[in-house]
N, C-alpha and C. Protein backbone atom coordinates (compact mmCIF):
# COMPACT_ATOMS: atom_id res chain seq x y z
N MET A 1 9.42 25.76 -6.50
CA MET A 1 9.73 24.43 -5.99
C MET A 1 9.58 23.40 -7.11
N ASP A 2 10.55 22.47 -7.22
CA ASP A 2 10.40 21.40 -8.19
C ASP A 2 9.73 20.19 -7.53
N ASN A 3 9.49 19.14 -8.32
CA ASN A 3 8.79 17.97 -7.80
C ASN A 3 9.47 17.39 -6.56
N LYS A 4 10.79 17.30 -6.61
CA LYS A 4 11.54 16.73 -5.50
C LYS A 4 11.31 17.52 -4.22
N ASP A 5 11.34 18.85 -4.32
CA ASP A 5 11.13 19.70 -3.15
C ASP A 5 9.69 19.56 -2.62
N VAL A 6 8.73 19.49 -3.56
CA VAL A 6 7.33 19.33 -3.15
C VAL A 6 7.15 18.01 -2.42
N HIS A 7 7.68 16.92 -3.00
CA HIS A 7 7.53 15.59 -2.37
C HIS A 7 8.16 15.57 -0.99
N SER A 8 9.35 16.16 -0.88
CA SER A 8 10.06 16.17 0.40
C SER A 8 9.27 16.95 1.45
N ARG A 9 8.73 18.10 1.06
CA ARG A 9 7.98 18.93 2.01
C ARG A 9 6.69 18.22 2.44
N VAL A 10 5.99 17.62 1.49
CA VAL A 10 4.75 16.92 1.81
C VAL A 10 5.01 15.75 2.77
N LYS A 11 6.02 14.95 2.47
CA LYS A 11 6.32 13.79 3.32
C LYS A 11 6.73 14.21 4.72
N LYS A 12 7.54 15.26 4.82
CA LYS A 12 8.00 15.71 6.14
C LYS A 12 6.85 16.25 6.97
N ASP A 13 6.04 17.13 6.38
CA ASP A 13 4.96 17.76 7.14
C ASP A 13 3.91 16.74 7.57
N PHE A 14 3.57 15.84 6.67
CA PHE A 14 2.56 14.85 7.03
C PHE A 14 3.11 13.81 8.00
N ASN A 15 4.40 13.49 7.89
CA ASN A 15 4.96 12.57 8.87
C ASN A 15 4.85 13.15 10.27
N ASP A 16 5.19 14.42 10.43
CA ASP A 16 5.06 15.07 11.75
C ASP A 16 3.61 15.04 12.21
N PHE A 17 2.69 15.30 11.31
CA PHE A 17 1.27 15.34 11.65
C PHE A 17 0.76 13.95 12.05
N PHE A 18 1.09 12.92 11.27
CA PHE A 18 0.60 11.57 11.57
C PHE A 18 1.22 11.01 12.84
N VAL A 19 2.51 11.23 13.02
CA VAL A 19 3.19 10.74 14.23
C VAL A 19 2.58 11.37 15.48
N SER A 20 2.24 12.65 15.38
CA SER A 20 1.62 13.33 16.53
C SER A 20 0.23 12.78 16.80
N SER A 21 -0.37 12.07 15.82
CA SER A 21 -1.69 11.47 15.98
C SER A 21 -1.60 9.97 16.31
N GLY A 22 -0.39 9.49 16.60
CA GLY A 22 -0.23 8.11 17.05
C GLY A 22 0.13 7.10 15.99
N PHE A 23 0.40 7.55 14.76
CA PHE A 23 0.76 6.64 13.68
C PHE A 23 2.27 6.42 13.64
N ILE A 24 2.66 5.28 13.09
CA ILE A 24 4.06 4.92 12.92
C ILE A 24 4.37 4.91 11.43
N ARG A 25 5.50 5.48 11.07
CA ARG A 25 5.89 5.49 9.66
C ARG A 25 6.47 4.14 9.29
N GLN A 26 5.79 3.41 8.42
CA GLN A 26 6.20 2.07 8.01
C GLN A 26 7.14 2.13 6.81
N SER A 27 6.98 3.13 5.97
CA SER A 27 7.87 3.37 4.84
C SER A 27 7.79 4.86 4.52
N SER A 28 8.43 5.27 3.43
CA SER A 28 8.46 6.70 3.12
C SER A 28 7.08 7.26 2.81
N SER A 29 6.13 6.39 2.44
CA SER A 29 4.80 6.88 2.07
C SER A 29 3.67 6.07 2.71
N LEU A 30 3.98 5.36 3.80
CA LEU A 30 2.97 4.53 4.45
C LEU A 30 3.05 4.70 5.97
N TRP A 31 1.89 5.00 6.58
CA TRP A 31 1.81 5.16 8.03
C TRP A 31 0.73 4.21 8.55
N ILE A 32 0.98 3.59 9.70
CA ILE A 32 0.02 2.64 10.25
C ILE A 32 -0.17 2.88 11.75
N LYS A 33 -1.30 2.42 12.23
CA LYS A 33 -1.61 2.47 13.65
C LYS A 33 -2.42 1.22 13.99
N THR A 34 -1.97 0.46 14.98
CA THR A 34 -2.71 -0.74 15.37
C THR A 34 -3.77 -0.35 16.39
N GLU A 35 -4.97 -0.86 16.20
CA GLU A 35 -6.09 -0.56 17.08
C GLU A 35 -6.85 -1.86 17.33
N ASN A 36 -6.61 -2.48 18.49
CA ASN A 36 -7.25 -3.75 18.84
C ASN A 36 -6.95 -4.81 17.77
N GLU A 37 -7.94 -5.15 16.95
CA GLU A 37 -7.80 -6.25 15.99
C GLU A 37 -7.58 -5.78 14.56
N LEU A 38 -7.29 -4.47 14.40
CA LEU A 38 -7.15 -3.90 13.07
C LEU A 38 -5.89 -3.06 12.94
N ILE A 39 -5.47 -2.86 11.70
CA ILE A 39 -4.48 -1.84 11.39
C ILE A 39 -5.19 -0.71 10.67
N GLN A 40 -4.94 0.51 11.10
CA GLN A 40 -5.40 1.69 10.38
C GLN A 40 -4.25 2.13 9.49
N ILE A 41 -4.53 2.40 8.22
CA ILE A 41 -3.48 2.59 7.22
C ILE A 41 -3.69 3.92 6.48
N ILE A 42 -2.59 4.64 6.31
CA ILE A 42 -2.59 5.86 5.49
C ILE A 42 -1.48 5.72 4.48
N SER A 43 -1.82 5.78 3.20
CA SER A 43 -0.84 5.60 2.13
C SER A 43 -0.83 6.84 1.24
N LEU A 44 0.32 7.48 1.16
CA LEU A 44 0.49 8.69 0.36
C LEU A 44 0.89 8.33 -1.07
N TYR A 45 0.33 9.02 -2.05
CA TYR A 45 0.82 8.86 -3.42
C TYR A 45 0.73 10.19 -4.15
N PHE A 46 1.58 10.34 -5.14
CA PHE A 46 1.62 11.53 -5.98
C PHE A 46 1.14 11.15 -7.37
N SER A 47 0.44 12.07 -8.03
CA SER A 47 0.03 11.82 -9.42
C SER A 47 1.29 11.72 -10.28
N TYR A 48 1.25 10.86 -11.27
CA TYR A 48 2.44 10.54 -12.06
C TYR A 48 3.06 11.79 -12.69
N GLY A 49 4.30 12.03 -12.35
CA GLY A 49 5.03 13.15 -12.92
C GLY A 49 4.58 14.51 -12.45
N GLN A 50 3.76 14.53 -11.39
CA GLN A 50 3.19 15.80 -10.95
C GLN A 50 3.50 16.04 -9.47
N GLU A 51 3.18 17.27 -9.04
CA GLU A 51 3.35 17.62 -7.63
C GLU A 51 2.10 17.33 -6.82
N GLU A 52 0.98 16.97 -7.49
CA GLU A 52 -0.28 16.76 -6.79
C GLU A 52 -0.23 15.48 -5.96
N PHE A 53 -0.88 15.51 -4.80
CA PHE A 53 -0.86 14.34 -3.93
C PHE A 53 -2.25 14.02 -3.42
N ASN A 54 -2.41 12.78 -3.00
CA ASN A 54 -3.63 12.31 -2.37
C ASN A 54 -3.23 11.16 -1.45
N PHE A 55 -4.19 10.58 -0.74
CA PHE A 55 -3.92 9.48 0.17
C PHE A 55 -4.96 8.39 -0.02
N ASP A 56 -4.56 7.15 0.22
CA ASP A 56 -5.52 6.06 0.39
C ASP A 56 -5.68 5.82 1.89
N ILE A 57 -6.91 5.72 2.34
CA ILE A 57 -7.24 5.49 3.74
C ILE A 57 -7.81 4.08 3.85
N ALA A 58 -7.25 3.25 4.72
CA ALA A 58 -7.65 1.84 4.75
C ALA A 58 -7.62 1.27 6.15
N VAL A 59 -8.33 0.16 6.33
CA VAL A 59 -8.22 -0.66 7.52
C VAL A 59 -7.99 -2.10 7.09
N GLN A 60 -7.30 -2.85 7.91
CA GLN A 60 -7.01 -4.25 7.61
C GLN A 60 -7.07 -5.05 8.90
N PRO A 61 -7.90 -6.10 8.95
CA PRO A 61 -7.99 -6.93 10.16
C PRO A 61 -6.84 -7.91 10.26
N PHE A 62 -6.44 -8.20 11.49
CA PHE A 62 -5.37 -9.18 11.72
C PHE A 62 -5.77 -10.58 11.31
N CYS A 63 -7.08 -10.90 11.33
CA CYS A 63 -7.52 -12.29 11.22
C CYS A 63 -7.71 -12.78 9.80
N ILE A 64 -7.44 -11.94 8.79
CA ILE A 64 -7.55 -12.37 7.40
C ILE A 64 -6.14 -12.51 6.83
N PRO A 65 -5.79 -13.68 6.29
CA PRO A 65 -4.42 -13.89 5.81
C PRO A 65 -4.03 -12.90 4.72
N SER A 66 -2.82 -12.37 4.81
CA SER A 66 -2.31 -11.46 3.78
C SER A 66 -0.80 -11.37 3.92
N GLU A 67 -0.10 -11.48 2.82
CA GLU A 67 1.35 -11.42 2.88
C GLU A 67 1.85 -10.01 3.17
N ASN A 68 1.03 -9.01 2.87
CA ASN A 68 1.45 -7.63 3.03
C ASN A 68 0.36 -6.79 3.66
N ILE A 69 0.76 -5.66 4.23
CA ILE A 69 -0.22 -4.64 4.58
C ILE A 69 -0.83 -4.16 3.28
N CYS A 70 -2.15 -4.23 3.19
CA CYS A 70 -2.79 -4.00 1.89
C CYS A 70 -3.92 -2.97 2.00
N LEU A 71 -4.45 -2.62 0.84
CA LEU A 71 -5.48 -1.58 0.75
C LEU A 71 -6.79 -2.16 0.21
N ASN A 72 -7.13 -3.38 0.62
CA ASN A 72 -8.35 -4.02 0.13
C ASN A 72 -9.61 -3.28 0.58
N ILE A 73 -9.57 -2.72 1.79
CA ILE A 73 -10.71 -1.96 2.31
C ILE A 73 -10.25 -0.51 2.43
N SER A 74 -10.37 0.23 1.34
CA SER A 74 -9.76 1.56 1.31
C SER A 74 -10.58 2.54 0.49
N GLN A 75 -10.27 3.82 0.70
CA GLN A 75 -10.90 4.90 -0.04
C GLN A 75 -9.94 6.08 -0.10
N ARG A 76 -10.08 6.90 -1.12
CA ARG A 76 -9.22 8.08 -1.28
C ARG A 76 -9.58 9.15 -0.27
N LEU A 77 -8.57 9.90 0.13
CA LEU A 77 -8.81 11.01 1.05
C LEU A 77 -9.83 11.98 0.46
N SER A 78 -9.76 12.18 -0.86
CA SER A 78 -10.69 13.12 -1.50
C SER A 78 -12.14 12.69 -1.33
N ARG A 79 -12.38 11.38 -1.15
CA ARG A 79 -13.74 10.90 -0.89
C ARG A 79 -14.20 11.25 0.52
N PHE A 80 -13.25 11.43 1.41
CA PHE A 80 -13.59 11.85 2.77
C PHE A 80 -13.80 13.36 2.86
N ASP A 81 -13.37 14.07 1.82
CA ASP A 81 -13.57 15.52 1.76
C ASP A 81 -14.97 15.78 1.24
N ARG A 82 -15.88 16.15 2.11
CA ARG A 82 -17.28 16.28 1.73
C ARG A 82 -17.55 17.47 0.81
N ARG A 83 -16.54 18.28 0.57
CA ARG A 83 -16.73 19.43 -0.32
C ARG A 83 -16.64 19.02 -1.79
N SER A 84 -15.95 17.89 -2.05
CA SER A 84 -15.69 17.53 -3.44
C SER A 84 -15.42 16.04 -3.55
N ILE A 85 -15.92 15.40 -4.61
CA ILE A 85 -15.67 13.98 -4.83
C ILE A 85 -14.29 13.77 -5.44
N VAL A 86 -13.92 14.59 -6.43
CA VAL A 86 -12.63 14.45 -7.11
C VAL A 86 -11.74 15.62 -6.70
N ARG A 87 -10.65 15.30 -6.04
CA ARG A 87 -9.79 16.38 -5.57
C ARG A 87 -8.37 15.86 -5.34
N TYR A 88 -7.39 16.66 -5.72
CA TYR A 88 -6.00 16.44 -5.36
C TYR A 88 -5.50 17.69 -4.66
N TRP A 89 -4.45 17.51 -3.88
CA TRP A 89 -3.80 18.64 -3.24
C TRP A 89 -2.39 18.75 -3.82
N GLY A 90 -1.77 19.90 -3.63
CA GLY A 90 -0.38 20.06 -4.06
C GLY A 90 -0.20 21.20 -5.04
N ASN A 91 0.96 21.86 -4.94
CA ASN A 91 1.24 23.01 -5.79
C ASN A 91 2.73 23.30 -5.76
N TYR A 92 3.25 23.81 -6.87
CA TYR A 92 4.67 24.18 -6.90
C TYR A 92 4.97 25.41 -6.06
N ASP A 93 3.97 26.27 -5.89
CA ASP A 93 4.16 27.49 -5.12
C ASP A 93 4.18 27.14 -3.63
N GLU A 94 5.25 27.51 -2.92
CA GLU A 94 5.44 27.07 -1.54
C GLU A 94 4.30 27.53 -0.63
N GLU A 95 3.88 28.78 -0.78
CA GLU A 95 2.82 29.30 0.08
C GLU A 95 1.50 28.54 -0.15
N LYS A 96 1.19 28.31 -1.43
CA LYS A 96 -0.03 27.57 -1.75
C LYS A 96 0.08 26.12 -1.32
N LEU A 97 1.28 25.55 -1.42
CA LEU A 97 1.49 24.16 -0.99
C LEU A 97 1.22 24.03 0.50
N ILE A 98 1.72 24.98 1.29
CA ILE A 98 1.48 24.94 2.74
C ILE A 98 -0.02 25.01 3.03
N ASP A 99 -0.74 25.85 2.27
CA ASP A 99 -2.20 25.93 2.45
C ASP A 99 -2.86 24.61 2.11
N ASP A 100 -2.39 23.96 1.05
CA ASP A 100 -2.97 22.67 0.65
C ASP A 100 -2.69 21.59 1.69
N ILE A 101 -1.48 21.58 2.23
CA ILE A 101 -1.14 20.61 3.28
C ILE A 101 -2.05 20.81 4.49
N THR A 102 -2.23 22.07 4.89
CA THR A 102 -3.10 22.37 6.02
C THR A 102 -4.54 21.95 5.73
N ASP A 103 -4.97 22.19 4.51
CA ASP A 103 -6.34 21.82 4.12
C ASP A 103 -6.53 20.30 4.20
N ALA A 104 -5.58 19.55 3.66
CA ALA A 104 -5.67 18.09 3.72
C ALA A 104 -5.62 17.59 5.16
N GLU A 105 -4.79 18.20 5.98
CA GLU A 105 -4.73 17.81 7.40
C GLU A 105 -6.08 18.04 8.07
N ASN A 106 -6.77 19.09 7.70
CA ASN A 106 -8.09 19.34 8.27
C ASN A 106 -9.09 18.26 7.88
N VAL A 107 -8.98 17.74 6.65
CA VAL A 107 -9.85 16.64 6.24
C VAL A 107 -9.56 15.40 7.09
N PHE A 108 -8.30 15.15 7.37
CA PHE A 108 -7.95 14.04 8.26
C PHE A 108 -8.58 14.24 9.64
N THR A 109 -8.40 15.43 10.18
CA THR A 109 -8.88 15.70 11.54
C THR A 109 -10.40 15.63 11.64
N GLN A 110 -11.07 16.19 10.66
CA GLN A 110 -12.53 16.30 10.73
C GLN A 110 -13.26 15.04 10.27
N ASN A 111 -12.69 14.31 9.31
CA ASN A 111 -13.43 13.20 8.70
C ASN A 111 -12.73 11.84 8.82
N VAL A 112 -11.42 11.80 8.57
CA VAL A 112 -10.74 10.50 8.55
C VAL A 112 -10.53 9.94 9.95
N PHE A 113 -9.97 10.72 10.84
CA PHE A 113 -9.70 10.20 12.18
C PHE A 113 -10.97 9.78 12.92
N PRO A 114 -12.08 10.52 12.79
CA PRO A 114 -13.34 10.02 13.39
C PRO A 114 -13.80 8.70 12.76
N TRP A 115 -13.56 8.52 11.45
CA TRP A 115 -13.91 7.24 10.82
C TRP A 115 -13.04 6.12 11.36
N PHE A 116 -11.75 6.40 11.53
CA PHE A 116 -10.85 5.41 12.13
C PHE A 116 -11.32 5.03 13.53
N GLU A 117 -11.79 6.00 14.30
CA GLU A 117 -12.27 5.71 15.66
C GLU A 117 -13.44 4.74 15.63
N LYS A 118 -14.27 4.83 14.60
CA LYS A 118 -15.39 3.90 14.47
C LYS A 118 -14.90 2.50 14.06
N MET A 119 -13.81 2.45 13.30
CA MET A 119 -13.25 1.17 12.85
C MET A 119 -12.24 0.68 13.87
N CYS A 120 -12.72 0.30 15.05
CA CYS A 120 -11.81 0.02 16.16
C CYS A 120 -11.62 -1.47 16.45
N ASP A 121 -12.46 -2.34 15.87
CA ASP A 121 -12.32 -3.78 16.10
C ASP A 121 -13.04 -4.54 15.00
N SER A 122 -13.00 -5.86 15.09
CA SER A 122 -13.59 -6.68 14.02
C SER A 122 -15.10 -6.51 13.94
N ASN A 123 -15.76 -6.29 15.07
CA ASN A 123 -17.22 -6.11 15.05
C ASN A 123 -17.62 -4.81 14.35
N SER A 124 -16.86 -3.75 14.58
CA SER A 124 -17.17 -2.49 13.91
C SER A 124 -16.91 -2.62 12.41
N LEU A 125 -15.92 -3.42 12.03
CA LEU A 125 -15.66 -3.63 10.61
C LEU A 125 -16.79 -4.46 9.98
N ILE A 126 -17.32 -5.42 10.72
CA ILE A 126 -18.48 -6.19 10.24
C ILE A 126 -19.66 -5.25 9.98
N ARG A 127 -19.92 -4.35 10.90
CA ARG A 127 -21.04 -3.42 10.73
C ARG A 127 -20.82 -2.55 9.49
N PHE A 128 -19.58 -2.12 9.29
CA PHE A 128 -19.29 -1.29 8.13
C PHE A 128 -19.47 -2.07 6.84
N LEU A 129 -18.90 -3.28 6.76
CA LEU A 129 -18.99 -4.09 5.55
C LEU A 129 -20.43 -4.50 5.25
N SER A 130 -21.26 -4.58 6.28
CA SER A 130 -22.67 -4.95 6.09
C SER A 130 -23.53 -3.75 5.69
N SER A 131 -22.94 -2.56 5.69
CA SER A 131 -23.69 -1.35 5.37
C SER A 131 -23.60 -1.04 3.88
N PRO A 132 -24.53 -0.23 3.36
CA PRO A 132 -24.47 0.17 1.94
C PRO A 132 -23.20 0.94 1.59
N GLU A 133 -22.61 1.62 2.59
CA GLU A 133 -21.44 2.46 2.32
C GLU A 133 -20.27 1.65 1.77
N ALA A 134 -20.13 0.39 2.22
CA ALA A 134 -18.99 -0.42 1.80
C ALA A 134 -18.99 -0.63 0.29
N GLY A 135 -20.17 -0.86 -0.27
CA GLY A 135 -20.24 -1.05 -1.71
C GLY A 135 -20.33 0.25 -2.47
N ARG A 136 -21.02 1.23 -1.90
CA ARG A 136 -21.27 2.48 -2.61
C ARG A 136 -20.04 3.40 -2.62
N SER A 137 -19.50 3.71 -1.45
CA SER A 137 -18.40 4.66 -1.36
C SER A 137 -17.03 3.98 -1.47
N PHE A 138 -16.90 2.76 -0.94
CA PHE A 138 -15.61 2.08 -0.93
C PHE A 138 -15.47 1.10 -2.09
N HIS A 139 -16.53 0.92 -2.86
CA HIS A 139 -16.49 0.09 -4.07
C HIS A 139 -16.00 -1.33 -3.78
N ILE A 140 -16.41 -1.88 -2.65
CA ILE A 140 -16.06 -3.27 -2.33
C ILE A 140 -17.07 -4.17 -3.03
N SER A 141 -16.59 -5.07 -3.85
CA SER A 141 -17.47 -5.92 -4.65
C SER A 141 -18.19 -6.94 -3.76
N PRO A 142 -19.33 -7.46 -4.20
CA PRO A 142 -20.02 -8.51 -3.44
C PRO A 142 -19.13 -9.73 -3.21
N PHE A 143 -18.28 -10.05 -4.17
CA PHE A 143 -17.36 -11.18 -4.03
C PHE A 143 -16.38 -10.95 -2.88
N ALA A 144 -15.74 -9.77 -2.87
CA ALA A 144 -14.78 -9.45 -1.81
C ALA A 144 -15.49 -9.30 -0.46
N LYS A 145 -16.67 -8.68 -0.48
CA LYS A 145 -17.41 -8.49 0.78
C LYS A 145 -17.76 -9.83 1.42
N SER A 146 -18.20 -10.80 0.61
CA SER A 146 -18.55 -12.11 1.17
C SER A 146 -17.32 -12.78 1.77
N GLU A 147 -16.17 -12.61 1.14
CA GLU A 147 -14.95 -13.19 1.70
C GLU A 147 -14.59 -12.54 3.03
N PHE A 148 -14.55 -11.20 3.06
CA PHE A 148 -14.18 -10.49 4.29
C PHE A 148 -15.14 -10.85 5.43
N LEU A 149 -16.44 -10.83 5.14
CA LEU A 149 -17.42 -11.11 6.19
C LEU A 149 -17.33 -12.56 6.67
N ALA A 150 -17.06 -13.48 5.77
CA ALA A 150 -16.91 -14.88 6.19
C ALA A 150 -15.76 -15.02 7.19
N TRP A 151 -14.61 -14.45 6.85
CA TRP A 151 -13.47 -14.50 7.78
C TRP A 151 -13.84 -13.89 9.13
N LEU A 152 -14.43 -12.72 9.12
CA LEU A 152 -14.73 -12.00 10.36
C LEU A 152 -15.80 -12.71 11.18
N PHE A 153 -16.81 -13.26 10.54
CA PHE A 153 -17.85 -13.99 11.28
C PHE A 153 -17.30 -15.28 11.88
N PHE A 154 -16.48 -16.01 11.14
CA PHE A 154 -15.87 -17.21 11.71
C PHE A 154 -15.01 -16.84 12.92
N TYR A 155 -14.24 -15.76 12.78
CA TYR A 155 -13.36 -15.31 13.86
C TYR A 155 -14.17 -14.96 15.11
N ASN A 156 -15.36 -14.40 14.92
CA ASN A 156 -16.21 -13.99 16.04
C ASN A 156 -17.24 -15.04 16.45
N HIS A 157 -17.12 -16.25 15.88
CA HIS A 157 -18.02 -17.36 16.25
C HIS A 157 -19.48 -17.09 15.90
N ASN A 158 -19.71 -16.27 14.91
CA ASN A 158 -21.07 -16.10 14.40
C ASN A 158 -21.21 -17.05 13.21
N PHE A 159 -21.40 -18.34 13.51
CA PHE A 159 -21.18 -19.37 12.52
C PHE A 159 -22.28 -19.44 11.46
N ILE A 160 -23.50 -19.09 11.80
CA ILE A 160 -24.56 -19.13 10.79
C ILE A 160 -24.25 -18.13 9.68
N ARG A 161 -23.95 -16.90 10.05
CA ARG A 161 -23.66 -15.87 9.06
C ARG A 161 -22.31 -16.14 8.39
N ALA A 162 -21.38 -16.75 9.12
CA ALA A 162 -20.09 -17.09 8.53
C ALA A 162 -20.27 -18.09 7.40
N ARG A 163 -21.05 -19.13 7.66
CA ARG A 163 -21.25 -20.16 6.63
C ARG A 163 -22.00 -19.61 5.43
N LEU A 164 -22.98 -18.75 5.68
CA LEU A 164 -23.73 -18.15 4.58
C LEU A 164 -22.79 -17.36 3.65
N ASN A 165 -21.92 -16.56 4.25
CA ASN A 165 -20.99 -15.76 3.44
C ASN A 165 -19.91 -16.62 2.81
N ALA A 166 -19.46 -17.66 3.51
CA ALA A 166 -18.46 -18.56 2.94
C ALA A 166 -19.04 -19.29 1.73
N GLU A 167 -20.26 -19.76 1.87
CA GLU A 167 -20.89 -20.47 0.75
C GLU A 167 -21.15 -19.54 -0.43
N LYS A 168 -21.48 -18.29 -0.14
CA LYS A 168 -21.68 -17.30 -1.21
C LYS A 168 -20.35 -17.07 -1.93
N PHE A 169 -19.28 -16.94 -1.15
CA PHE A 169 -17.96 -16.74 -1.74
C PHE A 169 -17.56 -17.93 -2.60
N ILE A 170 -17.76 -19.13 -2.07
CA ILE A 170 -17.40 -20.34 -2.82
C ILE A 170 -18.18 -20.42 -4.13
N SER A 171 -19.46 -20.08 -4.07
CA SER A 171 -20.28 -20.11 -5.28
C SER A 171 -19.78 -19.11 -6.33
N MET A 172 -19.48 -17.88 -5.88
CA MET A 172 -19.01 -16.86 -6.82
C MET A 172 -17.59 -17.13 -7.31
N SER A 173 -16.82 -17.92 -6.56
CA SER A 173 -15.43 -18.19 -6.93
C SER A 173 -15.32 -19.02 -8.20
N GLU A 174 -16.42 -19.63 -8.63
CA GLU A 174 -16.38 -20.44 -9.85
C GLU A 174 -16.03 -19.60 -11.07
N ARG A 175 -16.25 -18.28 -10.96
CA ARG A 175 -15.91 -17.39 -12.07
C ARG A 175 -14.45 -16.94 -12.02
N HIS A 176 -13.73 -17.36 -10.99
CA HIS A 176 -12.32 -16.98 -10.81
C HIS A 176 -11.47 -18.25 -10.85
N ASN A 177 -10.35 -18.16 -11.53
CA ASN A 177 -9.53 -19.36 -11.70
C ASN A 177 -8.10 -19.17 -11.19
N ASP A 178 -7.86 -18.12 -10.40
CA ASP A 178 -6.50 -17.88 -9.92
C ASP A 178 -6.20 -18.72 -8.69
N GLU A 179 -4.93 -18.92 -8.44
CA GLU A 179 -4.50 -19.79 -7.36
C GLU A 179 -4.88 -19.25 -5.99
N ASN A 180 -4.83 -17.94 -5.83
CA ASN A 180 -5.16 -17.35 -4.53
C ASN A 180 -6.62 -17.61 -4.16
N THR A 181 -7.53 -17.49 -5.15
CA THR A 181 -8.94 -17.78 -4.90
C THR A 181 -9.15 -19.24 -4.55
N LYS A 182 -8.47 -20.12 -5.28
CA LYS A 182 -8.58 -21.56 -4.99
C LYS A 182 -8.12 -21.86 -3.56
N LYS A 183 -7.04 -21.22 -3.15
CA LYS A 183 -6.52 -21.43 -1.80
C LYS A 183 -7.53 -20.93 -0.77
N THR A 184 -8.14 -19.77 -1.02
CA THR A 184 -9.12 -19.22 -0.08
C THR A 184 -10.34 -20.11 0.00
N VAL A 185 -10.78 -20.65 -1.12
CA VAL A 185 -11.93 -21.56 -1.13
C VAL A 185 -11.64 -22.77 -0.23
N ASN A 186 -10.45 -23.33 -0.33
CA ASN A 186 -10.10 -24.48 0.51
C ASN A 186 -10.09 -24.11 1.99
N LEU A 187 -9.62 -22.91 2.30
CA LEU A 187 -9.62 -22.45 3.70
C LEU A 187 -11.05 -22.25 4.19
N MET A 188 -11.91 -21.72 3.33
CA MET A 188 -13.31 -21.53 3.70
C MET A 188 -13.96 -22.88 4.02
N LYS A 189 -13.71 -23.87 3.18
CA LYS A 189 -14.27 -25.21 3.41
C LYS A 189 -13.75 -25.79 4.71
N GLU A 190 -12.49 -25.55 4.99
CA GLU A 190 -11.90 -26.04 6.26
C GLU A 190 -12.56 -25.37 7.45
N MET A 191 -12.80 -24.04 7.36
CA MET A 191 -13.43 -23.32 8.47
C MET A 191 -14.87 -23.77 8.68
N ILE A 192 -15.58 -24.08 7.59
CA ILE A 192 -16.95 -24.57 7.73
C ILE A 192 -16.95 -25.87 8.53
N ILE A 193 -16.03 -26.76 8.21
CA ILE A 193 -15.96 -28.05 8.92
C ILE A 193 -15.59 -27.83 10.39
N LEU A 194 -14.56 -27.00 10.63
CA LEU A 194 -14.13 -26.76 12.01
C LEU A 194 -15.21 -26.08 12.84
N SER A 195 -15.98 -25.21 12.22
CA SER A 195 -17.05 -24.53 12.97
C SER A 195 -18.13 -25.50 13.43
N LYS A 196 -18.21 -26.63 12.76
CA LYS A 196 -19.21 -27.65 13.13
C LYS A 196 -18.64 -28.72 14.04
N THR A 197 -17.32 -28.91 14.00
CA THR A 197 -16.73 -30.07 14.69
C THR A 197 -15.73 -29.73 15.78
N ASN A 198 -15.01 -28.60 15.65
CA ASN A 198 -13.92 -28.35 16.59
C ASN A 198 -13.63 -26.85 16.65
N THR A 199 -14.40 -26.12 17.44
CA THR A 199 -14.23 -24.66 17.51
C THR A 199 -12.91 -24.26 18.17
N LYS A 200 -12.40 -25.13 19.04
CA LYS A 200 -11.10 -24.83 19.65
C LYS A 200 -10.00 -24.85 18.59
N GLU A 201 -10.07 -25.82 17.70
CA GLU A 201 -9.09 -25.88 16.61
C GLU A 201 -9.26 -24.69 15.66
N LEU A 202 -10.49 -24.22 15.49
CA LEU A 202 -10.73 -23.04 14.67
C LEU A 202 -10.08 -21.81 15.30
N ASP A 203 -10.18 -21.69 16.63
CA ASP A 203 -9.53 -20.58 17.32
C ASP A 203 -8.01 -20.65 17.15
N ASN A 204 -7.46 -21.84 17.24
CA ASN A 204 -6.01 -22.01 17.03
C ASN A 204 -5.63 -21.64 15.60
N PHE A 205 -6.49 -21.99 14.68
CA PHE A 205 -6.29 -21.65 13.26
C PHE A 205 -6.15 -20.14 13.09
N PHE A 206 -7.02 -19.37 13.74
CA PHE A 206 -6.96 -17.92 13.64
C PHE A 206 -5.76 -17.35 14.39
N GLN A 207 -5.41 -17.93 15.50
CA GLN A 207 -4.22 -17.46 16.21
C GLN A 207 -2.97 -17.63 15.35
N ASN A 208 -2.90 -18.71 14.60
CA ASN A 208 -1.76 -18.92 13.70
C ASN A 208 -1.77 -17.89 12.58
N ILE A 209 -2.95 -17.58 12.05
CA ILE A 209 -3.05 -16.56 11.01
C ILE A 209 -2.56 -15.21 11.53
N ILE A 210 -3.03 -14.84 12.71
CA ILE A 210 -2.65 -13.56 13.30
C ILE A 210 -1.14 -13.51 13.55
N ARG A 211 -0.60 -14.58 14.09
CA ARG A 211 0.85 -14.64 14.33
C ARG A 211 1.63 -14.50 13.04
N ASP A 212 1.21 -15.24 12.01
CA ASP A 212 1.92 -15.18 10.72
C ASP A 212 1.80 -13.79 10.09
N ASN A 213 0.61 -13.19 10.18
CA ASN A 213 0.43 -11.85 9.63
C ASN A 213 1.34 -10.84 10.32
N LEU A 214 1.37 -10.88 11.63
CA LEU A 214 2.17 -9.91 12.37
C LEU A 214 3.66 -10.07 12.04
N ASN A 215 4.09 -11.32 11.85
CA ASN A 215 5.48 -11.56 11.48
C ASN A 215 5.78 -11.02 10.09
N MET A 216 4.89 -11.29 9.13
CA MET A 216 5.10 -10.83 7.76
C MET A 216 5.01 -9.31 7.67
N TRP A 217 4.12 -8.72 8.47
CA TRP A 217 3.96 -7.25 8.45
C TRP A 217 4.97 -6.55 9.34
N LYS A 218 5.78 -7.38 10.05
CA LYS A 218 6.80 -6.83 10.97
C LYS A 218 6.18 -5.97 12.06
N LEU A 219 5.11 -6.49 12.67
CA LEU A 219 4.43 -5.81 13.77
C LEU A 219 4.54 -6.64 15.02
N LYS A 220 4.42 -5.99 16.16
CA LYS A 220 4.42 -6.68 17.44
C LYS A 220 2.98 -6.82 17.93
N GLN A 221 2.68 -7.97 18.53
CA GLN A 221 1.32 -8.19 19.05
C GLN A 221 1.19 -7.56 20.42
């Protein structure tokens, strides 16, 4: 089998497997499933110029602005494989390739799908981001974690913890000079004010974010 045949076989077999598990194929290498306030994401990639494949496993909340479905909170499938930290699947030999596909599917069934079940809403994502695993296994930086938690706490009306994380993010943002960070800082300041003065307007603010995200991601609410 050449690279083209390997890629075609991997995409077809995994598409059948993911669809049977409730996922929708968003592109040739991206599958998603909406679960309450989150998207569960599976992204396939092949090593450059090779037949080897792996996946990024991610979740994304509706309430954080993003122009695209993204992998900000993600980890490699090989990290979910408790037998090995560094691992790829894939082989030119058809029989071995089928074995590798089956092996990777077992990792999904035994480890990934149960993790997705735990990541079922914004509160479960808060618990995850507040745990050591977020920084240790998922390599989420303190800067990114403070931003994600601020958004989620404001969304859930946990305003004390929201302001603490927003202020931490604003403080750390001084080391960043990009336009996206500046925009987020302004939104954080706006949410701090609204949380103190007009919670109804804050709720409307999040509803607009969710609506805009769903439109940009081409999803139905």
